[in-house]
PDB file of all heavy atoms in Angstrom:
ATOM      1  N   PRO A   1     -37.660  54.172 103.278  1.00  0.00           N
ATOM      2  CA  PRO A   1     -39.055  54.060 103.018  1.00  0.00           C
ATOM      3  C   PRO A   1     -39.496  52.743 102.317  1.00  0.00           C
ATOM      4  O   PRO A   1     -38.613  52.136 101.688  1.00  0.00           O
ATOM      5  CB  PRO A   1     -39.361  55.264 102.222  1.00  0.00           C
ATOM      6  CG  PRO A   1     -37.971  55.530 101.505  1.00  0.00           C
ATOM      7  CD  PRO A   1     -37.001  55.088 102.522  1.00  0.00           C
ATOM      8  N   VAL A   2     -40.744  52.356 102.427  1.00  0.00           N
ATOM      9  CA  VAL A   2     -41.212  51.218 101.759  1.00  0.00           C
ATOM     10  C   VAL A   2     -42.239  51.525 100.800  1.00  0.00           C
ATOM     11  O   VAL A   2     -43.303  52.258 101.250  1.00  0.00           O
ATOM     12  CB  VAL A   2     -41.695  50.176 102.851  1.00  0.00           C
ATOM     13  CG1 VAL A   2     -42.269  48.853 102.071  1.00  0.00           C
ATOM     14  CG2 VAL A   2     -40.549  49.772 103.736  1.00  0.00           C
ATOM     15  N   ILE A   3     -42.117  51.181  99.581  1.00  0.00           N
ATOM     16  CA  ILE A   3     -43.231  51.351  98.592  1.00  0.00           C
ATOM     17  C   ILE A   3     -43.895  50.131  98.336  1.00  0.00           C
ATOM     18  O   ILE A   3     -43.296  49.019  98.206  1.00  0.00           O
ATOM     19  CB  ILE A   3     -42.579  51.780  97.199  1.00  0.00           C
ATOM     20  CG1 ILE A   3     -41.868  53.214  97.373  1.00  0.00           C
ATOM     21  CG2 ILE A   3     -43.591  51.900  96.110  1.00  0.00           C
ATOM     22  CD1 ILE A   3     -41.023  53.615  96.112  1.00  0.00           C
ATOM     23  N   GLY A   4     -45.260  50.151  98.267  1.00  0.00           N
ATOM     24  CA  GLY A   4     -46.064  48.925  98.167  1.00  0.00           C
ATOM     25  C   GLY A   4     -47.263  49.193  97.287  1.00  0.00           C
ATOM     26  O   GLY A   4     -47.765  50.310  97.217  1.00  0.00           O
ATOM     27  N   THR A   5     -47.918  48.171  96.863  1.00  0.00           N
ATOM     28  CA  THR A   5     -49.228  48.233  96.141  1.00  0.00           C
ATOM     29  C   THR A   5     -50.159  47.060  96.603  1.00  0.00           C
ATOM     30  O   THR A   5     -49.593  45.977  97.001  1.00  0.00           O
ATOM     31  CB  THR A   5     -48.939  48.098  94.554  1.00  0.00           C
ATOM     32  OG1 THR A   5     -50.202  48.198  93.905  1.00  0.00           O
ATOM     33  CG2 THR A   5     -48.262  46.795  94.162  1.00  0.00           C
ATOM     34  N   GLU A   6     -51.312  47.369  96.473  1.00  0.00           N
ATOM     35  CA  GLU A   6     -52.285  46.336  96.928  1.00  0.00           C
ATOM     36  C   GLU A   6     -53.460  46.246  95.904  1.00  0.00           C
ATOM     37  O   GLU A   6     -53.949  47.408  95.534  1.00  0.00           O
ATOM     38  CB  GLU A   6     -52.854  46.571  98.297  1.00  0.00           C
ATOM     39  CG  GLU A   6     -53.791  45.703  98.875  1.00  0.00           C
ATOM     40  CD  GLU A   6     -54.222  46.053 100.184  1.00  0.00           C
ATOM     41  OE1 GLU A   6     -53.309  46.021 101.189  1.00  0.00           O
ATOM     42  OE2 GLU A   6     -55.324  46.387 100.527  1.00  0.00           O
ATOM     43  N   VAL A   7     -53.870  45.074  95.458  1.00  0.00           N
ATOM     44  CA  VAL A   7     -54.913  44.870  94.450  1.00  0.00           C
ATOM     45  C   VAL A   7     -55.991  44.136  95.235  1.00  0.00           C
ATOM     46  O   VAL A   7     -55.803  43.091  95.748  1.00  0.00           O
ATOM     47  CB  VAL A   7     -54.447  44.145  93.278  1.00  0.00           C
ATOM     48  CG1 VAL A   7     -55.611  43.918  92.265  1.00  0.00           C
ATOM     49  CG2 VAL A   7     -53.282  44.882  92.640  1.00  0.00           C
ATOM     50  N   GLU A   8     -57.294  44.675  95.158  1.00  0.00           N
ATOM     51  CA  GLU A   8     -58.463  44.040  95.791  1.00  0.00           C
ATOM     52  C   GLU A   8     -59.557  43.858  94.899  1.00  0.00           C
ATOM     53  O   GLU A   8     -59.674  44.614  93.818  1.00  0.00           O
ATOM     54  CB  GLU A   8     -59.012  44.873  97.079  1.00  0.00           C
ATOM     55  CG  GLU A   8     -57.875  45.131  98.083  1.00  0.00           C
ATOM     56  CD  GLU A   8     -58.419  46.028  99.135  1.00  0.00           C
ATOM     57  OE1 GLU A   8     -59.348  45.729  99.661  1.00  0.00           O
ATOM     58  OE2 GLU A   8     -57.771  47.045  99.419  1.00  0.00           O
ATOM     59  N   ASN A   9     -60.481  42.936  95.190  1.00  0.00           N
ATOM     60  CA  ASN A   9     -61.766  42.856  94.491  1.00  0.00           C
ATOM     61  C   ASN A   9     -61.859  42.496  92.971  1.00  0.00           C
ATOM     62  O   ASN A   9     -62.320  43.147  92.217  1.00  0.00           O
ATOM     63  CB  ASN A   9     -62.743  44.003  94.652  1.00  0.00           C
ATOM     64  CG  ASN A   9     -62.914  44.366  96.252  1.00  0.00           C
ATOM     65  OD1 ASN A   9     -62.874  43.470  97.004  1.00  0.00           O
ATOM     66  ND2 ASN A   9     -63.213  45.632  96.454  1.00  0.00           N
ATOM     67  N   PHE A  10     -60.970  41.404  92.743  1.00  0.00           N
ATOM     68  CA  PHE A  10     -61.073  40.983  91.403  1.00  0.00           C
ATOM     69  C   PHE A  10     -61.200  39.425  91.376  1.00  0.00           C
ATOM     70  O   PHE A  10     -60.855  38.740  92.385  1.00  0.00           O
ATOM     71  CB  PHE A  10     -59.827  41.427  90.569  1.00  0.00           C
ATOM     72  CG  PHE A  10     -58.443  40.856  91.188  1.00  0.00           C
ATOM     73  CD1 PHE A  10     -57.827  39.786  90.335  1.00  0.00           C
ATOM     74  CD2 PHE A  10     -57.864  41.227  92.179  1.00  0.00           C
ATOM     75  CE1 PHE A  10     -56.739  39.206  90.840  1.00  0.00           C
ATOM     76  CE2 PHE A  10     -56.735  40.718  92.688  1.00  0.00           C
ATOM     77  CZ  PHE A  10     -56.097  39.690  91.975  1.00  0.00           C
ATOM     78  N   LEU A  11     -61.531  38.948  90.136  1.00  0.00           N
ATOM     79  CA  LEU A  11     -61.747  37.498  89.980  1.00  0.00           C
ATOM     80  C   LEU A  11     -62.668  36.919  91.035  1.00  0.00           C
ATOM     81  O   LEU A  11     -62.581  35.831  91.468  1.00  0.00           O
ATOM     82  CB  LEU A  11     -60.333  36.733  90.006  1.00  0.00           C
ATOM     83  CG  LEU A  11     -59.380  37.178  89.001  1.00  0.00           C
ATOM     84  CD1 LEU A  11     -58.021  36.306  89.179  1.00  0.00           C
ATOM     85  CD2 LEU A  11     -59.900  36.976  87.599  1.00  0.00           C
ATOM     86  N   GLY A  12     -63.726  37.725  91.326  1.00  0.00           N
ATOM     87  CA  GLY A  12     -64.763  37.285  92.242  1.00  0.00           C
ATOM     88  C   GLY A  12     -65.919  36.725  91.550  1.00  0.00           C
ATOM     89  O   GLY A  12     -65.840  36.260  90.364  1.00  0.00           O
ATOM     90  N   THR A  13     -67.104  36.873  92.177  1.00  0.00           N
ATOM     91  CA  THR A  13     -68.400  36.492  91.588  1.00  0.00           C
ATOM     92  C   THR A  13     -69.340  37.673  91.645  1.00  0.00           C
ATOM     93  O   THR A  13     -69.191  38.609  92.291  1.00  0.00           O
ATOM     94  CB  THR A  13     -68.981  35.274  92.291  1.00  0.00           C
ATOM     95  OG1 THR A  13     -69.204  35.699  93.722  1.00  0.00           O
ATOM     96  CG2 THR A  13     -68.038  34.142  92.293  1.00  0.00           C
ATOM     97  N   GLY A  14     -70.372  37.511  90.827  1.00  0.00           N
ATOM     98  CA  GLY A  14     -71.455  38.559  90.808  1.00  0.00           C
ATOM     99  C   GLY A  14     -70.929  39.782  90.375  1.00  0.00           C
ATOM    100  O   GLY A  14     -70.145  39.802  89.321  1.00  0.00           O
ATOM    101  N   PRO A  15     -71.085  40.909  91.071  1.00  0.00           N
ATOM    102  CA  PRO A  15     -70.661  42.235  90.519  1.00  0.00           C
ATOM    103  C   PRO A  15     -69.051  42.316  90.573  1.00  0.00           C
ATOM    104  O   PRO A  15     -68.630  43.229  89.980  1.00  0.00           O
ATOM    105  CB  PRO A  15     -71.215  43.134  91.499  1.00  0.00           C
ATOM    106  CG  PRO A  15     -72.016  42.400  92.464  1.00  0.00           C
ATOM    107  CD  PRO A  15     -71.921  41.050  92.238  1.00  0.00           C
ATOM    108  N   LEU A  16     -68.481  41.230  91.172  1.00  0.00           N
ATOM    109  CA  LEU A  16     -66.972  41.423  91.353  1.00  0.00           C
ATOM    110  C   LEU A  16     -66.286  40.443  90.405  1.00  0.00           C
ATOM    111  O   LEU A  16     -65.212  40.108  90.479  1.00  0.00           O
ATOM    112  CB  LEU A  16     -66.570  41.083  92.754  1.00  0.00           C
ATOM    113  CG  LEU A  16     -67.112  41.909  93.904  1.00  0.00           C
ATOM    114  CD1 LEU A  16     -66.508  41.453  95.195  1.00  0.00           C
ATOM    115  CD2 LEU A  16     -66.682  43.340  93.627  1.00  0.00           C
ATOM    116  N   ARG A  17     -67.198  40.050  89.378  1.00  0.00           N
ATOM    117  CA  ARG A  17     -66.520  39.109  88.284  1.00  0.00           C
ATOM    118  C   ARG A  17     -65.388  40.000  87.497  1.00  0.00           C
ATOM    119  O   ARG A  17     -65.552  41.170  87.276  1.00  0.00           O
ATOM    120  CB  ARG A  17     -67.516  38.720  87.240  1.00  0.00           C
ATOM    121  CG  ARG A  17     -68.515  37.689  87.801  1.00  0.00           C
ATOM    122  CD  ARG A  17     -69.340  37.005  86.663  1.00  0.00           C
ATOM    123  NE  ARG A  17     -69.825  37.987  85.699  1.00  0.00           N
ATOM    124  CZ  ARG A  17     -71.080  38.602  85.769  1.00  0.00           C
ATOM    125  NH1 ARG A  17     -71.881  38.250  86.731  1.00  0.00           N
ATOM    126  NH2 ARG A  17     -71.303  39.413  84.814  1.00  0.00           N
ATOM    127  N   GLY A  18     -64.286  39.178  87.250  1.00  0.00           N
ATOM    128  CA  GLY A  18     -63.339  39.769  86.310  1.00  0.00           C
ATOM    129  C   GLY A  18     -62.634  40.862  87.224  1.00  0.00           C
ATOM    130  O   GLY A  18     -62.197  40.688  88.307  1.00  0.00           O
ATOM    131  N   VAL A  19     -62.676  41.998  86.429  1.00  0.00           N
ATOM    132  CA  VAL A  19     -61.965  43.161  87.169  1.00  0.00           C
ATOM    133  C   VAL A  19     -62.918  44.347  87.389  1.00  0.00           C
ATOM    134  O   VAL A  19     -62.568  45.459  87.465  1.00  0.00           O
ATOM    135  CB  VAL A  19     -60.755  43.702  86.371  1.00  0.00           C
ATOM    136  CG1 VAL A  19     -59.656  42.648  86.338  1.00  0.00           C
ATOM    137  CG2 VAL A  19     -61.202  44.071  84.944  1.00  0.00           C
ATOM    138  N   GLN A  20     -64.269  43.875  87.411  1.00  0.00           N
ATOM    139  CA  GLN A  20     -65.212  45.061  87.458  1.00  0.00           C
ATOM    140  C   GLN A  20     -65.255  45.805  88.752  1.00  0.00           C
ATOM    141  O   GLN A  20     -65.476  47.057  88.808  1.00  0.00           O
ATOM    142  CB  GLN A  20     -66.812  44.432  87.173  1.00  0.00           C
ATOM    143  CG  GLN A  20     -66.852  43.896  85.790  1.00  0.00           C
ATOM    144  CD  GLN A  20     -68.291  43.329  85.633  1.00  0.00           C
ATOM    145  OE1 GLN A  20     -69.117  43.378  86.558  1.00  0.00           O
ATOM    146  NE2 GLN A  20     -68.619  42.672  84.540  1.00  0.00           N
ATOM    147  N   GLY A  21     -64.857  45.086  89.922  1.00  0.00           N
ATOM    148  CA  GLY A  21     -64.788  45.764  91.206  1.00  0.00           C
ATOM    149  C   GLY A  21     -63.437  45.959  91.614  1.00  0.00           C
ATOM    150  O   GLY A  21     -63.176  46.030  92.805  1.00  0.00           O
ATOM    151  N   LEU A  22     -62.485  46.020  90.595  1.00  0.00           N
ATOM    152  CA  LEU A  22     -61.039  46.037  91.088  1.00  0.00           C
ATOM    153  C   LEU A  22     -60.669  47.433  91.814  1.00  0.00           C
ATOM    154  O   LEU A  22     -61.240  48.535  91.376  1.00  0.00           O
ATOM    155  CB  LEU A  22     -60.195  46.136  89.638  1.00  0.00           C
ATOM    156  CG  LEU A  22     -58.630  46.144  89.858  1.00  0.00           C
ATOM    157  CD1 LEU A  22     -58.147  44.935  90.664  1.00  0.00           C
ATOM    158  CD2 LEU A  22     -57.962  46.422  88.594  1.00  0.00           C
ATOM    159  N   GLU A  23     -59.973  47.284  92.828  1.00  0.00           N
ATOM    160  CA  GLU A  23     -59.359  48.372  93.525  1.00  0.00           C
ATOM    161  C   GLU A  23     -57.876  48.265  93.760  1.00  0.00           C
ATOM    162  O   GLU A  23     -57.441  47.074  94.086  1.00  0.00           O
ATOM    163  CB  GLU A  23     -60.081  48.498  94.971  1.00  0.00           C
ATOM    164  CG  GLU A  23     -61.499  48.784  94.984  1.00  0.00           C
ATOM    165  CD  GLU A  23     -62.049  48.883  96.441  1.00  0.00           C
ATOM    166  OE1 GLU A  23     -61.218  49.074  97.306  1.00  0.00           O
ATOM    167  OE2 GLU A  23     -63.339  48.927  96.582  1.00  0.00           O
ATOM    168  N   VAL A  24     -57.191  49.279  93.302  1.00  0.00           N
ATOM    169  CA  VAL A  24     -55.747  49.303  93.313  1.00  0.00           C
ATOM    170  C   VAL A  24     -55.288  50.345  94.276  1.00  0.00           C
ATOM    171  O   VAL A  24     -55.598  51.521  94.081  1.00  0.00           O
ATOM    172  CB  VAL A  24     -55.087  49.462  91.931  1.00  0.00           C
ATOM    173  CG1 VAL A  24     -53.618  49.378  92.156  1.00  0.00           C
ATOM    174  CG2 VAL A  24     -55.702  48.361  91.091  1.00  0.00           C
ATOM    175  N   THR A  25     -54.385  49.911  95.299  1.00  0.00           N
ATOM    176  CA  THR A  25     -53.787  51.010  96.091  1.00  0.00           C
ATOM    177  C   THR A  25     -52.259  50.974  95.981  1.00  0.00           C
ATOM    178  O   THR A  25     -51.738  50.024  95.997  1.00  0.00           O
ATOM    179  CB  THR A  25     -54.196  50.599  97.684  1.00  0.00           C
ATOM    180  OG1 THR A  25     -55.542  50.516  97.775  1.00  0.00           O
ATOM    181  CG2 THR A  25     -53.561  51.616  98.507  1.00  0.00           C
ATOM    182  N   LEU A  26     -51.742  52.226  95.834  1.00  0.00           N
ATOM    183  CA  LEU A  26     -50.343  52.398  95.625  1.00  0.00           C
ATOM    184  C   LEU A  26     -49.889  53.418  96.645  1.00  0.00           C
ATOM    185  O   LEU A  26     -50.497  54.565  96.720  1.00  0.00           O
ATOM    186  CB  LEU A  26     -49.946  52.852  94.216  1.00  0.00           C
ATOM    187  CG  LEU A  26     -48.526  53.136  94.055  1.00  0.00           C
ATOM    188  CD1 LEU A  26     -47.724  51.865  94.142  1.00  0.00           C
ATOM    189  CD2 LEU A  26     -48.280  53.703  92.623  1.00  0.00           C
ATOM    190  N   GLY A  27     -48.922  53.124  97.526  1.00  0.00           N
ATOM    191  CA  GLY A  27     -48.445  54.045  98.531  1.00  0.00           C
ATOM    192  C   GLY A  27     -47.017  53.750  98.996  1.00  0.00           C
ATOM    193  O   GLY A  27     -46.391  52.818  98.530  1.00  0.00           O
ATOM    194  N   VAL A  28     -46.588  54.602  99.896  1.00  0.00           N
ATOM    195  CA  VAL A  28     -45.289  54.559 100.559  1.00  0.00           C
ATOM    196  C   VAL A  28     -45.503  54.809 102.012  1.00  0.00           C
ATOM    197  O   VAL A  28     -46.262  55.462 102.476  1.00  0.00           O
ATOM    198  CB  VAL A  28     -44.349  55.689  99.930  1.00  0.00           C
ATOM    199  CG1 VAL A  28     -44.896  57.151 100.115  1.00  0.00           C
ATOM    200  CG2 VAL A  28     -42.924  55.500 100.435  1.00  0.00           C
ATOM    201  N   SER A  29     -44.657  53.980 102.773  1.00  0.00           N
ATOM    202  CA  SER A  29     -44.612  54.109 104.226  1.00  0.00           C
ATOM    203  C   SER A  29     -43.233  54.458 104.653  1.00  0.00           C
ATOM    204  O   SER A  29     -42.226  54.075 103.931  1.00  0.00           O
ATOM    205  CB  SER A  29     -45.167  52.787 104.752  1.00  0.00           C
ATOM    206  OG  SER A  29     -44.343  51.693 104.448  1.00  0.00           O
ATOM    207  N   GLN A  30     -43.117  55.066 105.810  1.00  0.00           N
ATOM    208  CA  GLN A  30     -41.879  55.397 106.360  1.00  0.00           C
ATOM    209  C   GLN A  30     -41.904  55.235 107.879  1.00  0.00           C
ATOM    210  O   GLN A  30     -42.923  55.728 108.597  1.00  0.00           O
ATOM    211  CB  GLN A  30     -41.533  56.974 106.005  1.00  0.00           C
ATOM    212  CG  GLN A  30     -40.233  57.393 106.751  1.00  0.00           C
ATOM    213  CD  GLN A  30     -39.087  56.766 106.169  1.00  0.00           C
ATOM    214  OE1 GLN A  30     -38.772  56.725 105.006  1.00  0.00           O
ATOM    215  NE2 GLN A  30     -38.200  56.180 107.054  1.00  0.00           N
ATOM    216  N   VAL A  31     -40.911  54.598 108.420  1.00  0.00           N
ATOM    217  CA  VAL A  31     -40.864  54.535 109.913  1.00  0.00           C
ATOM    218  C   VAL A  31     -40.088  55.754 110.483  1.00  0.00           C
ATOM    219  O   VAL A  31     -38.976  56.149 110.002  1.00  0.00           O
ATOM    220  CB  VAL A  31     -39.959  53.192 110.327  1.00  0.00           C
ATOM    221  CG1 VAL A  31     -39.748  53.290 111.816  1.00  0.00           C
ATOM    222  CG2 VAL A  31     -40.751  51.942 109.922  1.00  0.00           C
ATOM    223  N   ILE A  32     -40.745  56.402 111.394  1.00  0.00           N
ATOM    224  CA  ILE A  32     -40.197  57.502 112.115  1.00  0.00           C
ATOM    225  C   ILE A  32     -39.648  57.013 113.444  1.00  0.00           C
ATOM    226  O   ILE A  32     -40.477  56.583 114.403  1.00  0.00           O
ATOM    227  CB  ILE A  32     -41.163  58.635 112.348  1.00  0.00           C
ATOM    228  CG1 ILE A  32     -41.851  59.001 110.927  1.00  0.00           C
ATOM    229  CG2 ILE A  32     -40.451  59.830 112.991  1.00  0.00           C
ATOM    230  CD1 ILE A  32     -40.871  59.532 109.949  1.00  0.00           C
TER     231      ILE A  32
END
């Protein structure tokens, strides 16, 4: 299995300045 994480919407502009719009995804995938 593969464990991964993804971080989105940070260090942007406007409402996405800094980490105000931060989205973090943590998951696991498996090939069948």
